[in-house]
């Protein structure tokens, strides 16, 4: 999706993509190159919704574009506001399972890499400050409290 065609004001999505490998479950994270900020940031695949797009469709699209994965199942987890009074757009979080690998479809100039951490490592990274992205922290902790991870 070209950045010029992406519109603000329709909301956003974040995807907790889970991959079972042998005896462990892995969380798919992306690391965006944030050289302008001076640090890289680990986060869940996420992005803005397009005009007329449902949250479910946007979540599937963002997962495919940023990670290359498609999911056999994509279930809604929650809806939340990231900064009420400043950003009125809601963010919708989904849990994706049954992942099938494919090719990323990054936007022009977008630089990110895909990383898979065990659920235990991802939760530890929230606790020790390696994961600082608020939506990622919220979704991981909510999924843990609901017994999903």
Foldseek 3Di string as FASTA:
>chain_A
DAPVQADPDAAKEFEFEWEDDDPFIKTKWKWWDPVVVPDIAIATQMDGDGVPDDRVRRHQVSCCQRFVKGAPDKAWQDKADPDPPPGPGIYTYIYGYPIDHGDHNYYVPTDMDMDIDTLVVLQVCLVVVVHDDVVRSVVSVSCVVVVND
